[in-house]
């Protein structure tokens, strides 16, 4: 009977891997969306179902946690990492959808750099999940270094935006989107912190 309550470690790791697989696809399309000189909103149609899949996995993990007394790693860490990854998918979708909502048709300066950094961070998170059992922390450091780079790009983007954009409405629109992309980078760092916590507790 008790064996039923003891989930195999792979269940959670496989869920995390699946979420990061979908997030990698989302980040790829998000970067393509923000890199084009002319915004191709059809890419948003590819991003939306990926976000839904992340939400579905998040709900599945939460339900499993509610039914399980003993978990292979700390329950709080499982929930925290799930929440960070789900939030990240929400932010990527939010940034993308706003291009359509705000009727933005031209590339926002520096958004391509920020989306590229987020894409790379997610690739590093994916590697970190794969390496959980060998206790590697290299990827977590890489995510942090990239977050520092994203901060610098964001600060430069804000400086140029407030210096050059004379239309207040356009300024508000672009500022909000750039903030979301920077927030996505921060969320990657938060996820890396949880993974690092798992490393430390289980080393």
C-alpha atoms as a PDB file:
ATOM      1  CA  UNK A   1       0.000   0.000   0.000  1.00  0.00           C
ATOM      2  CA  UNK A   2       2.740   2.462   0.944  1.00  0.00           C
ATOM      3  CA  UNK A   3       4.507   1.885  -2.371  1.00  0.00           C
ATOM      4  CA  UNK A   4       1.559   3.545  -4.071  1.00  0.00           C
ATOM      5  CA  UNK A   5       2.285   6.696  -2.055  1.00  0.00           C
ATOM      6  CA  UNK A   6       5.952   6.726  -3.044  1.00  0.00           C
ATOM      7  CA  UNK A   7       6.254   8.301  -6.497  1.00  0.00           C
ATOM      8  CA  UNK A   8       9.210   7.369  -8.620  1.00  0.00           C
ATOM      9  CA  UNK A   9      11.731  10.172  -8.832  1.00  0.00           C
ATOM     10  CA  UNK A  10      11.503  10.118 -12.604  1.00  0.00           C
ATOM     11  CA  UNK A  11       7.876  11.273 -12.579  1.00  0.00           C
ATOM     12  CA  UNK A  12       8.747  14.734 -11.358  1.00  0.00           C
ATOM     13  CA  UNK A  13      11.937  14.975 -13.372  1.00  0.00           C
ATOM     14  CA  UNK A  14      10.098  13.922 -16.506  1.00  0.00           C
ATOM     15  CA  UNK A  15       7.449  16.560 -15.857  1.00  0.00           C
ATOM     16  CA  UNK A  16      10.133  19.223 -15.431  1.00  0.00           C
ATOM     17  CA  UNK A  17      11.846  18.061 -18.616  1.00  0.00           C
ATOM     18  CA  UNK A  18       8.542  18.245 -20.498  1.00  0.00           C
ATOM     19  CA  UNK A  19       7.856  21.748 -19.213  1.00  0.00           C
ATOM     20  CA  UNK A  20      11.309  22.905 -20.251  1.00  0.00           C
ATOM     21  CA  UNK A  21      10.889  21.299 -23.640  1.00  0.00           C
ATOM     22  CA  UNK A  22       7.739  23.353 -24.194  1.00  0.00           C
ATOM     23  CA  UNK A  23       9.402  26.455 -22.738  1.00  0.00           C
ATOM     24  CA  UNK A  24      12.333  26.013 -25.121  1.00  0.00           C
ATOM     25  CA  UNK A  25       9.915  26.008 -28.039  1.00  0.00           C
ATOM     26  CA  UNK A  26       8.108  29.034 -26.641  1.00  0.00           C
ATOM     27  CA  UNK A  27      11.391  30.901 -26.235  1.00  0.00           C
ATOM     28  CA  UNK A  28      12.440  30.008 -29.762  1.00  0.00           C
ATOM     29  CA  UNK A  29       9.224  31.394 -31.244  1.00  0.00           C
ATOM     30  CA  UNK A  30       9.320  34.397 -28.915  1.00  0.00           C
ATOM     31  CA  UNK A  31      12.821  35.250 -30.073  1.00  0.00           C
ATOM     32  CA  UNK A  32      11.773  34.860 -33.706  1.00  0.00           C
ATOM     33  CA  UNK A  33       8.810  37.119 -33.030  1.00  0.00           C
ATOM     34  CA  UNK A  34      10.891  39.887 -31.462  1.00  0.00           C
ATOM     35  CA  UNK A  35      13.780  39.565 -33.919  1.00  0.00           C
ATOM     36  CA  UNK A  36      11.839  40.255 -37.095  1.00  0.00           C
ATOM     37  CA  UNK A  37      11.867  43.792 -38.495  1.00  0.00           C
ATOM     38  CA  UNK A  38       8.199  43.248 -39.340  1.00  0.00           C
ATOM     39  CA  UNK A  39       6.258  41.571 -36.529  1.00  0.00           C
ATOM     40  CA  UNK A  40       4.784  38.220 -37.580  1.00  0.00           C
ATOM     41  CA  UNK A  41       1.856  37.708 -35.215  1.00  0.00           C
ATOM     42  CA  UNK A  42       1.166  34.225 -36.626  1.00  0.00           C
ATOM     43  CA  UNK A  43       4.003  33.075 -34.356  1.00  0.00           C
ATOM     44  CA  UNK A  44       1.759  33.851 -31.386  1.00  0.00           C
ATOM     45  CA  UNK A  45      -0.524  31.045 -32.553  1.00  0.00           C
ATOM     46  CA  UNK A  46       2.392  28.647 -32.032  1.00  0.00           C
ATOM     47  CA  UNK A  47       3.193  30.051 -28.594  1.00  0.00           C
ATOM     48  CA  UNK A  48      -0.310  29.841 -27.091  1.00  0.00           C
ATOM     49  CA  UNK A  49      -0.740  26.026 -27.139  1.00  0.00           C
ATOM     50  CA  UNK A  50       2.741  25.566 -25.673  1.00  0.00           C
ATOM     51  CA  UNK A  51       1.792  27.771 -22.730  1.00  0.00           C
ATOM     52  CA  UNK A  52      -1.342  25.673 -22.254  1.00  0.00           C
ATOM     53  CA  UNK A  53       0.745  22.506 -22.129  1.00  0.00           C
ATOM     54  CA  UNK A  54       2.962  24.023 -19.424  1.00  0.00           C
ATOM     55  CA  UNK A  55      -0.126  24.930 -17.403  1.00  0.00           C
ATOM     56  CA  UNK A  56      -1.479  21.399 -17.775  1.00  0.00           C
ATOM     57  CA  UNK A  57       1.753  19.884 -16.475  1.00  0.00           C
ATOM     58  CA  UNK A  58       1.820  22.360 -13.599  1.00  0.00           C
ATOM     59  CA  UNK A  59      -1.698  21.343 -12.604  1.00  0.00           C
ATOM     60  CA  UNK A  60      -0.782  17.664 -12.880  1.00  0.00           C
ATOM     61  CA  UNK A  61       2.224  18.095 -10.581  1.00  0.00           C
ATOM     62  CA  UNK A  62       0.172  20.045  -8.034  1.00  0.00           C
ATOM     63  CA  UNK A  63      -2.512  17.349  -7.965  1.00  0.00           C
ATOM     64  CA  UNK A  64       0.117  14.645  -7.507  1.00  0.00           C
ATOM     65  CA  UNK A  65       1.721  16.567  -4.637  1.00  0.00           C
ATOM     66  CA  UNK A  66      -1.656  16.878  -2.923  1.00  0.00           C
ATOM     67  CA  UNK A  67      -2.094  13.098  -3.059  1.00  0.00           C
ATOM     68  CA  UNK A  68       1.442  12.141  -2.033  1.00  0.00           C
ATOM     69  CA  UNK A  69       2.785  11.905   1.509  1.00  0.00           C
ATOM     70  CA  UNK A  70       6.432  11.273   0.623  1.00  0.00           C
ATOM     71  CA  UNK A  71       8.274  12.918  -2.264  1.00  0.00           C
ATOM     72  CA  UNK A  72      11.747  12.154  -3.709  1.00  0.00           C
ATOM     73  CA  UNK A  73      12.895  15.731  -3.110  1.00  0.00           C
ATOM     74  CA  UNK A  74      11.456  18.432  -0.844  1.00  0.00           C
ATOM     75  CA  UNK A  75       7.812  19.112  -1.576  1.00  0.00           C
ATOM     76  CA  UNK A  76       8.480  22.858  -1.330  1.00  0.00           C
ATOM     77  CA  UNK A  77      11.186  22.634  -3.997  1.00  0.00           C
ATOM     78  CA  UNK A  78       8.958  20.671  -6.362  1.00  0.00           C
ATOM     79  CA  UNK A  79       6.159  23.195  -5.956  1.00  0.00           C
ATOM     80  CA  UNK A  80       8.506  26.189  -6.224  1.00  0.00           C
ATOM     81  CA  UNK A  81      10.190  24.970  -9.411  1.00  0.00           C
ATOM     82  CA  UNK A  82       6.837  24.092 -10.962  1.00  0.00           C
ATOM     83  CA  UNK A  83       5.508  27.565 -10.125  1.00  0.00           C
ATOM     84  CA  UNK A  84       8.590  29.330 -11.513  1.00  0.00           C
ATOM     85  CA  UNK A  85       8.425  27.435 -14.800  1.00  0.00           C
ATOM     86  CA  UNK A  86       4.676  27.964 -15.138  1.00  0.00           C
ATOM     87  CA  UNK A  87       5.090  31.683 -14.414  1.00  0.00           C
ATOM     88  CA  UNK A  88       7.830  31.845 -17.045  1.00  0.00           C
ATOM     89  CA  UNK A  89       5.488  30.412 -19.671  1.00  0.00           C
ATOM     90  CA  UNK A  90       2.849  32.989 -18.691  1.00  0.00           C
ATOM     91  CA  UNK A  91       5.344  35.842 -19.039  1.00  0.00           C
ATOM     92  CA  UNK A  92       6.574  34.719 -22.456  1.00  0.00           C
ATOM     93  CA  UNK A  93       3.013  34.474 -23.703  1.00  0.00           C
ATOM     94  CA  UNK A  94       2.141  37.823 -22.123  1.00  0.00           C
ATOM     95  CA  UNK A  95       5.034  39.614 -23.815  1.00  0.00           C
ATOM     96  CA  UNK A  96       4.151  38.080 -27.177  1.00  0.00           C
ATOM     97  CA  UNK A  97       0.423  38.733 -27.004  1.00  0.00           C
ATOM     98  CA  UNK A  98       0.998  42.377 -26.162  1.00  0.00           C
ATOM     99  CA  UNK A  99       2.530  42.935 -29.590  1.00  0.00           C
ATOM    100  CA  UNK A 100      -0.837  42.064 -31.066  1.00  0.00           C
ATOM    101  CA  UNK A 101      -2.872  43.839 -28.367  1.00  0.00           C
ATOM    102  CA  UNK A 102      -0.852  47.039 -28.730  1.00  0.00           C
ATOM    103  CA  UNK A 103      -0.865  46.834 -32.548  1.00  0.00           C
ATOM    104  CA  UNK A 104       2.922  46.923 -32.704  1.00  0.00           C
ATOM    105  CA  UNK A 105       4.144  46.083 -36.193  1.00  0.00           C
ATOM    106  CA  UNK A 106       7.836  47.041 -36.020  1.00  0.00           C
ATOM    107  CA  UNK A 107      10.652  45.536 -33.982  1.00  0.00           C
ATOM    108  CA  UNK A 108      11.208  47.065 -30.550  1.00  0.00           C
ATOM    109  CA  UNK A 109      14.869  47.973 -30.123  1.00  0.00           C
ATOM    110  CA  UNK A 110      16.752  45.587 -27.821  1.00  0.00           C
ATOM    111  CA  UNK A 111      13.784  43.183 -27.553  1.00  0.00           C
ATOM    112  CA  UNK A 112      15.652  40.777 -29.825  1.00  0.00           C
ATOM    113  CA  UNK A 113      18.654  40.778 -27.462  1.00  0.00           C
ATOM    114  CA  UNK A 114      16.502  40.213 -24.386  1.00  0.00           C
ATOM    115  CA  UNK A 115      14.495  37.402 -25.990  1.00  0.00           C
ATOM    116  CA  UNK A 116      17.748  35.764 -27.168  1.00  0.00           C
ATOM    117  CA  UNK A 117      19.117  35.831 -23.620  1.00  0.00           C
ATOM    118  CA  UNK A 118      15.922  34.290 -22.235  1.00  0.00           C
ATOM    119  CA  UNK A 119      16.069  31.562 -24.884  1.00  0.00           C
ATOM    120  CA  UNK A 120      19.660  30.737 -23.883  1.00  0.00           C
ATOM    121  CA  UNK A 121      18.753  30.769 -20.186  1.00  0.00           C
ATOM    122  CA  UNK A 122      15.976  28.258 -20.777  1.00  0.00           C
ATOM    123  CA  UNK A 123      18.379  26.009 -22.685  1.00  0.00           C
ATOM    124  CA  UNK A 124      20.694  26.136 -19.656  1.00  0.00           C
ATOM    125  CA  UNK A 125      17.798  25.328 -17.309  1.00  0.00           C
ATOM    126  CA  UNK A 126      16.970  22.349 -19.488  1.00  0.00           C
ATOM    127  CA  UNK A 127      20.574  21.121 -19.141  1.00  0.00           C
ATOM    128  CA  UNK A 128      20.422  21.698 -15.382  1.00  0.00           C
ATOM    129  CA  UNK A 129      17.339  19.485 -15.095  1.00  0.00           C
ATOM    130  CA  UNK A 130      19.112  16.771 -17.088  1.00  0.00           C
ATOM    131  CA  UNK A 131      22.117  17.063 -14.759  1.00  0.00           C
ATOM    132  CA  UNK A 132      20.194  16.996 -11.476  1.00  0.00           C
ATOM    133  CA  UNK A 133      21.366  13.472 -10.713  1.00  0.00           C
ATOM    134  CA  UNK A 134      25.044  14.240 -11.311  1.00  0.00           C
ATOM    135  CA  UNK A 135      24.939  17.339  -9.109  1.00  0.00           C
ATOM    136  CA  UNK A 136      26.238  19.820 -11.681  1.00  0.00           C
ATOM    137  CA  UNK A 137      25.803  23.527 -10.924  1.00  0.00           C
ATOM    138  CA  UNK A 138      27.503  24.964 -14.019  1.00  0.00           C
ATOM    139  CA  UNK A 139      24.204  25.668 -15.761  1.00  0.00           C
ATOM    140  CA  UNK A 140      22.803  27.541 -12.760  1.00  0.00           C
ATOM    141  CA  UNK A 141      25.811  29.853 -12.828  1.00  0.00           C
ATOM    142  CA  UNK A 142      25.348  30.360 -16.575  1.00  0.00           C
ATOM    143  CA  UNK A 143      21.716  31.377 -16.015  1.00  0.00           C
ATOM    144  CA  UNK A 144      22.813  33.915 -13.395  1.00  0.00           C
ATOM    145  CA  UNK A 145      25.491  35.363 -15.687  1.00  0.00           C
ATOM    146  CA  UNK A 146      22.919  35.713 -18.450  1.00  0.00           C
ATOM    147  CA  UNK A 147      20.509  37.431 -16.065  1.00  0.00           C
ATOM    148  CA  UNK A 148      23.181  40.026 -15.308  1.00  0.00           C
ATOM    149  CA  UNK A 149      23.624  40.540 -19.047  1.00  0.00           C
ATOM    150  CA  UNK A 150      19.857  40.918 -19.478  1.00  0.00           C
ATOM    151  CA  UNK A 151      19.813  43.605 -16.773  1.00  0.00           C
ATOM    152  CA  UNK A 152      22.431  45.585 -18.684  1.00  0.00           C
ATOM    153  CA  UNK A 153      20.526  45.279 -21.962  1.00  0.00           C
ATOM    154  CA  UNK A 154      17.293  46.279 -20.244  1.00  0.00           C
ATOM    155  CA  UNK A 155      18.869  49.342 -18.630  1.00  0.00           C
ATOM    156  CA  UNK A 156      20.270  50.440 -21.975  1.00  0.00           C
ATOM    157  CA  UNK A 157      16.905  49.827 -23.639  1.00  0.00           C
ATOM    158  CA  UNK A 158      15.122  51.971 -21.064  1.00  0.00           C
ATOM    159  CA  UNK A 159      17.710  54.742 -21.388  1.00  0.00           C
ATOM    160  CA  UNK A 160      17.342  54.895 -25.167  1.00  0.00           C
ATOM    161  CA  UNK A 161      13.563  54.552 -25.053  1.00  0.00           C
ATOM    162  CA  UNK A 162      13.118  57.545 -22.738  1.00  0.00           C
ATOM    163  CA  UNK A 163      15.664  59.578 -24.658  1.00  0.00           C
ATOM    164  CA  UNK A 164      14.338  58.957 -28.163  1.00  0.00           C
ATOM    165  CA  UNK A 165      10.640  58.026 -28.023  1.00  0.00           C
ATOM    166  CA  UNK A 166       8.554  61.211 -28.104  1.00  0.00           C
ATOM    167  CA  UNK A 167       5.172  59.535 -28.362  1.00  0.00           C
ATOM    168  CA  UNK A 168       4.025  58.822 -24.789  1.00  0.00           C
ATOM    169  CA  UNK A 169       1.635  56.026 -25.774  1.00  0.00           C
ATOM    170  CA  UNK A 170       4.297  54.199 -27.774  1.00  0.00           C
ATOM    171  CA  UNK A 171       6.717  54.651 -24.907  1.00  0.00           C
ATOM    172  CA  UNK A 172       4.311  53.021 -22.454  1.00  0.00           C
ATOM    173  CA  UNK A 173       3.641  50.100 -24.809  1.00  0.00           C
ATOM    174  CA  UNK A 174       7.287  49.366 -25.521  1.00  0.00           C
ATOM    175  CA  UNK A 175       8.290  49.851 -21.900  1.00  0.00           C
ATOM    176  CA  UNK A 176       5.755  47.260 -20.737  1.00  0.00           C
ATOM    177  CA  UNK A 177       6.943  44.673 -23.259  1.00  0.00           C
ATOM    178  CA  UNK A 178      10.612  45.225 -22.455  1.00  0.00           C
ATOM    179  CA  UNK A 179       9.795  44.910 -18.752  1.00  0.00           C
ATOM    180  CA  UNK A 180       8.120  41.553 -19.365  1.00  0.00           C
ATOM    181  CA  UNK A 181      11.122  40.232 -21.279  1.00  0.00           C
ATOM    182  CA  UNK A 182      13.413  41.342 -18.463  1.00  0.00           C
ATOM    183  CA  UNK A 183      11.029  39.730 -15.968  1.00  0.00           C
ATOM    184  CA  UNK A 184      11.272  36.485 -17.940  1.00  0.00           C
ATOM    185  CA  UNK A 185      15.047  36.583 -17.475  1.00  0.00           C
ATOM    186  CA  UNK A 186      14.580  37.177 -13.733  1.00  0.00           C
ATOM    187  CA  UNK A 187      12.185  34.238 -13.569  1.00  0.00           C
ATOM    188  CA  UNK A 188      14.805  32.003 -15.213  1.00  0.00           C
ATOM    189  CA  UNK A 189      17.218  33.029 -12.481  1.00  0.00           C
ATOM    190  CA  UNK A 190      14.600  32.235  -9.820  1.00  0.00           C
ATOM    191  CA  UNK A 191      14.129  28.762 -11.319  1.00  0.00           C
ATOM    192  CA  UNK A 192      17.907  28.259 -11.329  1.00  0.00           C
ATOM    193  CA  UNK A 193      17.988  29.186  -7.625  1.00  0.00           C
ATOM    194  CA  UNK A 194      15.452  26.453  -6.856  1.00  0.00           C
ATOM    195  CA  UNK A 195      17.458  23.921  -8.848  1.00  0.00           C
ATOM    196  CA  UNK A 196      20.595  24.970  -6.961  1.00  0.00           C
ATOM    197  CA  UNK A 197      18.714  24.472  -3.706  1.00  0.00           C
ATOM    198  CA  UNK A 198      17.840  20.933  -4.804  1.00  0.00           C
ATOM    199  CA  UNK A 199      21.508  20.293  -5.619  1.00  0.00           C
ATOM    200  CA  UNK A 200      22.630  21.455  -2.182  1.00  0.00           C
ATOM    201  CA  UNK A 201      19.981  19.547  -0.227  1.00  0.00           C
ATOM    202  CA  UNK A 202      20.550  16.286  -2.105  1.00  0.00           C
ATOM    203  CA  UNK A 203      24.336  16.366  -2.498  1.00  0.00           C
END
